[in-house]
N, C-alpha and C. Protein backbone atom coordinates (compact mmCIF):
# COMPACT_ATOMS: atom_id res chain seq x y z
N MET A 1 -0.68 10.31 17.24
CA MET A 1 -0.93 9.88 15.52
C MET A 1 0.38 9.05 15.28
N LYS A 2 1.65 9.42 15.84
CA LYS A 2 2.47 8.20 15.51
C LYS A 2 2.15 6.78 15.74
N PHE A 3 1.68 6.88 17.04
CA PHE A 3 1.22 5.41 17.31
C PHE A 3 0.15 4.83 16.81
N GLN A 4 -0.69 5.35 16.05
CA GLN A 4 -1.48 5.02 15.15
C GLN A 4 -1.13 4.52 13.77
N VAL A 5 -0.21 5.42 13.38
CA VAL A 5 0.42 4.83 11.85
C VAL A 5 1.63 3.69 12.27
N GLU A 6 1.98 3.38 13.48
CA GLU A 6 2.94 2.25 13.56
C GLU A 6 1.87 1.22 13.70
N ARG A 7 0.86 1.06 14.42
CA ARG A 7 -0.09 0.32 14.46
C ARG A 7 -0.85 -0.42 12.98
N THR A 8 -0.91 0.69 12.36
CA THR A 8 -1.43 0.45 11.00
C THR A 8 -0.46 -0.18 9.98
N GLN A 9 0.95 0.15 10.40
CA GLN A 9 1.74 -0.50 9.50
C GLN A 9 1.88 -1.77 10.00
N ASN A 10 1.81 -2.10 11.27
CA ASN A 10 1.88 -3.89 11.87
C ASN A 10 0.54 -4.31 11.08
N TYR A 11 -0.55 -3.77 10.82
CA TYR A 11 -1.55 -4.41 10.47
C TYR A 11 -1.30 -4.80 8.81
N TYR A 12 -1.06 -3.89 8.19
CA TYR A 12 -0.42 -3.94 6.78
C TYR A 12 0.54 -5.13 6.40
N ASN A 13 1.31 -5.22 7.42
CA ASN A 13 2.75 -6.22 7.47
C ASN A 13 1.94 -7.71 7.51
N GLU A 14 1.22 -7.80 8.73
CA GLU A 14 0.72 -8.86 9.16
C GLU A 14 -0.50 -9.36 8.25
N SER A 15 -1.11 -8.46 7.40
CA SER A 15 -2.18 -9.11 6.17
C SER A 15 -1.58 -9.42 5.02
N GLU A 16 -0.33 -8.98 4.91
CA GLU A 16 0.38 -9.47 3.50
C GLU A 16 0.06 -11.18 3.27
N LYS A 17 0.68 -11.78 4.51
CA LYS A 17 0.37 -13.19 4.57
C LYS A 17 -1.02 -13.89 4.14
N GLY A 18 -2.13 -12.80 4.41
CA GLY A 18 -3.48 -13.44 3.97
C GLY A 18 -3.84 -13.11 2.59
N ILE A 19 -3.28 -11.95 2.04
CA ILE A 19 -3.40 -11.68 0.96
C ILE A 19 -3.16 -12.64 -0.13
N GLU A 20 -2.16 -13.46 0.09
CA GLU A 20 -1.63 -14.44 -0.79
C GLU A 20 -2.71 -15.57 -0.82
N LEU A 21 -3.57 -15.76 0.20
CA LEU A 21 -4.56 -16.67 0.49
C LEU A 21 -5.49 -16.36 -0.81
N LEU A 22 -5.89 -15.08 -1.09
CA LEU A 22 -6.96 -14.71 -1.94
C LEU A 22 -6.66 -15.44 -3.33
N SER A 23 -8.03 -15.24 -4.09
CA SER A 23 -7.63 -15.63 -5.66
C SER A 23 -6.68 -14.77 -6.17
N ARG A 24 -6.03 -15.09 -7.29
CA ARG A 24 -5.24 -14.37 -7.85
C ARG A 24 -5.91 -12.93 -8.48
N GLU A 25 -7.04 -13.12 -8.94
CA GLU A 25 -7.82 -11.81 -9.31
C GLU A 25 -7.70 -10.84 -7.94
N ALA A 26 -8.56 -11.47 -7.06
CA ALA A 26 -8.45 -10.31 -5.99
C ALA A 26 -7.08 -10.16 -5.50
N GLN A 27 -6.16 -10.49 -5.65
CA GLN A 27 -4.74 -10.28 -5.03
C GLN A 27 -4.27 -8.74 -5.64
N PHE A 28 -4.60 -8.76 -6.98
CA PHE A 28 -4.13 -7.47 -7.75
C PHE A 28 -4.89 -6.38 -6.85
N ALA A 29 -6.24 -6.33 -6.50
CA ALA A 29 -6.83 -4.98 -6.06
C ALA A 29 -6.20 -4.66 -4.94
N ILE A 30 -6.28 -5.69 -3.84
CA ILE A 30 -5.50 -5.80 -2.59
C ILE A 30 -4.23 -5.31 -2.65
N TYR A 31 -3.42 -5.98 -3.29
CA TYR A 31 -2.19 -5.46 -3.05
C TYR A 31 -2.06 -3.80 -3.72
N SER A 32 -2.71 -3.70 -4.66
CA SER A 32 -2.36 -2.49 -5.05
C SER A 32 -2.90 -1.25 -3.95
N ALA A 33 -4.08 -1.71 -3.41
CA ALA A 33 -4.72 -0.57 -2.58
C ALA A 33 -3.90 -0.52 -1.09
N CYS A 34 -3.36 -1.78 -0.76
CA CYS A 34 -2.18 -1.49 0.34
C CYS A 34 -1.31 -1.00 -0.07
N ARG A 35 -0.67 -0.97 -0.98
CA ARG A 35 0.67 -0.13 -1.55
C ARG A 35 0.14 1.44 -1.50
N ILE A 36 -1.06 1.50 -2.01
CA ILE A 36 -1.59 3.05 -1.94
C ILE A 36 -1.54 3.72 -0.82
N TYR A 37 -2.27 2.84 0.35
CA TYR A 37 -2.62 3.21 1.88
C TYR A 37 -0.96 3.23 2.29
N ILE A 38 -0.02 2.55 2.03
CA ILE A 38 1.03 2.61 2.74
C ILE A 38 1.84 3.95 2.24
N GLY A 39 1.40 4.51 0.95
CA GLY A 39 1.89 5.64 0.68
C GLY A 39 1.08 6.82 1.22
N ILE A 40 0.25 6.83 1.40
CA ILE A 40 -0.42 7.51 2.69
C ILE A 40 0.29 7.77 3.92
N LEU A 41 0.61 6.81 4.54
CA LEU A 41 1.18 6.55 5.84
C LEU A 41 2.43 7.17 5.70
N ASP A 42 3.32 7.00 4.24
CA ASP A 42 4.79 7.65 4.47
C ASP A 42 4.49 9.34 4.22
N LYS A 43 3.32 9.51 3.68
CA LYS A 43 3.18 11.16 3.60
C LYS A 43 2.91 11.72 5.02
N ILE A 44 2.09 10.87 6.07
CA ILE A 44 1.84 11.03 7.36
C ILE A 44 3.32 11.29 8.16
N MET A 45 3.74 10.40 7.80
CA MET A 45 5.31 10.53 8.69
C MET A 45 6.14 11.82 8.32
N LYS A 46 6.22 11.93 6.62
CA LYS A 46 6.88 12.80 6.15
C LYS A 46 6.26 14.07 6.88
N ASN A 47 5.34 14.47 7.21
CA ASN A 47 4.60 15.83 7.69
C ASN A 47 4.79 15.54 9.35
N ASP A 48 5.65 14.84 9.78
CA ASP A 48 5.69 14.59 11.23
C ASP A 48 4.54 14.39 12.07
N PHE A 49 3.85 13.70 11.17
CA PHE A 49 2.52 13.17 11.96
C PHE A 49 1.65 14.18 12.44
N ASN A 50 2.10 15.32 11.60
CA ASN A 50 0.92 16.82 12.03
C ASN A 50 -0.06 16.64 10.87
N PRO A 51 -0.94 16.55 11.34
CA PRO A 51 -2.29 16.83 10.15
C PRO A 51 -2.59 18.18 9.61
N PHE A 52 -1.92 19.22 10.13
CA PHE A 52 -2.08 20.61 9.88
C PHE A 52 -1.33 20.97 8.88
N LYS A 53 -0.28 20.11 8.40
CA LYS A 53 0.62 20.33 7.47
C LYS A 53 0.28 20.18 6.13
N GLY A 54 -0.96 19.70 6.10
CA GLY A 54 -1.33 19.53 4.53
C GLY A 54 -1.76 17.87 4.40
N ARG A 55 -2.64 17.97 3.55
CA ARG A 55 -3.53 16.49 3.21
C ARG A 55 -2.22 15.81 2.90
N ALA A 56 -2.42 14.35 3.59
CA ALA A 56 -1.81 13.11 3.14
C ALA A 56 -2.20 12.46 2.06
N TYR A 57 -1.80 12.34 0.88
CA TYR A 57 -2.48 11.55 -0.23
C TYR A 57 -1.10 11.05 -1.18
N VAL A 58 -1.86 10.01 -1.95
CA VAL A 58 -0.94 9.67 -3.09
C VAL A 58 -1.43 10.28 -4.31
N PRO A 59 -0.22 10.98 -5.01
CA PRO A 59 -0.87 11.64 -6.38
C PRO A 59 -1.27 10.87 -7.28
N ILE A 60 -2.10 11.10 -8.01
CA ILE A 60 -2.83 10.15 -9.15
C ILE A 60 -1.86 9.68 -10.17
N ILE A 61 -0.75 10.12 -10.36
CA ILE A 61 0.21 9.70 -11.43
C ILE A 61 1.08 8.46 -10.60
N ARG A 62 1.09 8.67 -9.13
CA ARG A 62 1.87 7.26 -8.45
C ARG A 62 1.10 6.22 -8.34
N LYS A 63 -0.44 6.59 -8.16
CA LYS A 63 -1.34 5.47 -7.89
C LYS A 63 -1.30 4.65 -9.32
N PHE A 64 -1.31 5.68 -10.59
CA PHE A 64 -1.10 4.89 -11.65
C PHE A 64 0.05 3.91 -11.60
N LEU A 65 1.15 4.40 -11.50
CA LEU A 65 2.62 3.55 -11.55
C LEU A 65 2.12 2.34 -10.52
N ILE A 66 1.61 2.54 -9.51
CA ILE A 66 1.25 1.26 -8.84
C ILE A 66 0.68 0.26 -9.45
N LEU A 67 -0.66 0.92 -10.16
CA LEU A 67 -1.41 -0.18 -10.80
C LEU A 67 -0.47 -1.01 -11.60
N ILE A 68 0.22 -0.02 -12.76
CA ILE A 68 1.14 -0.73 -13.55
C ILE A 68 2.03 -1.69 -13.18
N ASP A 69 2.90 -1.36 -11.94
CA ASP A 69 3.59 -2.11 -11.34
C ASP A 69 3.22 -3.51 -10.75
N GLU A 70 2.05 -3.32 -10.10
CA GLU A 70 1.30 -4.66 -9.77
C GLU A 70 0.77 -5.36 -10.82
N PHE A 71 0.20 -4.70 -11.60
CA PHE A 71 -0.07 -5.78 -12.99
C PHE A 71 0.69 -6.23 -13.80
N ILE A 72 1.82 -5.60 -14.01
CA ILE A 72 2.93 -6.52 -14.45
C ILE A 72 3.68 -7.22 -13.36
N ARG A 73 3.76 -7.07 -12.12
CA ARG A 73 4.13 -8.11 -11.20
C ARG A 73 3.36 -9.33 -11.25
N LYS A 74 1.98 -9.29 -11.33
CA LYS A 74 1.11 -10.24 -11.22
C LYS A 74 1.13 -10.91 -12.25
N ARG A 75 1.17 -10.52 -13.62
CA ARG A 75 0.85 -11.09 -14.59
C ARG A 75 2.42 -11.73 -15.23
N PHE A 76 3.14 -11.34 -14.80
CA PHE A 76 4.42 -11.81 -15.45
C PHE A 76 6.01 -12.44 -14.43
N PHE A 77 5.36 -11.98 -13.21
CA PHE A 77 6.25 -12.44 -12.43
C PHE A 77 5.71 -12.86 -11.08
N PRO A 78 4.49 -13.80 -11.56
CA PRO A 78 3.82 -14.75 -10.12
C PRO A 78 4.33 -15.13 -9.10
N ILE A 79 5.31 -15.50 -9.38
CA ILE A 79 6.48 -16.27 -8.14
C ILE A 79 6.78 -15.36 -7.39
N PHE A 80 7.23 -14.00 -7.67
CA PHE A 80 7.71 -13.12 -7.12
C PHE A 80 6.90 -12.30 -6.01
N GLN A 81 6.05 -12.57 -4.98
CA GLN A 81 5.08 -12.27 -4.07
C GLN A 81 5.90 -11.44 -3.40
N GLN A 82 5.19 -10.16 -2.89
CA GLN A 82 5.82 -9.10 -1.95
C GLN A 82 6.27 -10.15 -0.38
């Protein structure tokens, strides 16, 4: 499981360059989804990569905050890309 998480993290890191090539409208959704999925990976790591310690998910309030953060970042600070 640890290998899979590390591999996925590498994919996310490599894909960020490609997200910037998408239209501005698409970037919002893709960056938001990426941050949510990274949050799931963080939960998996906190559970010591053990899927039997509970479901790894990002709570709805955290997802909402990610969306707000991305909206503000894209709308008002477009020069500050991740």
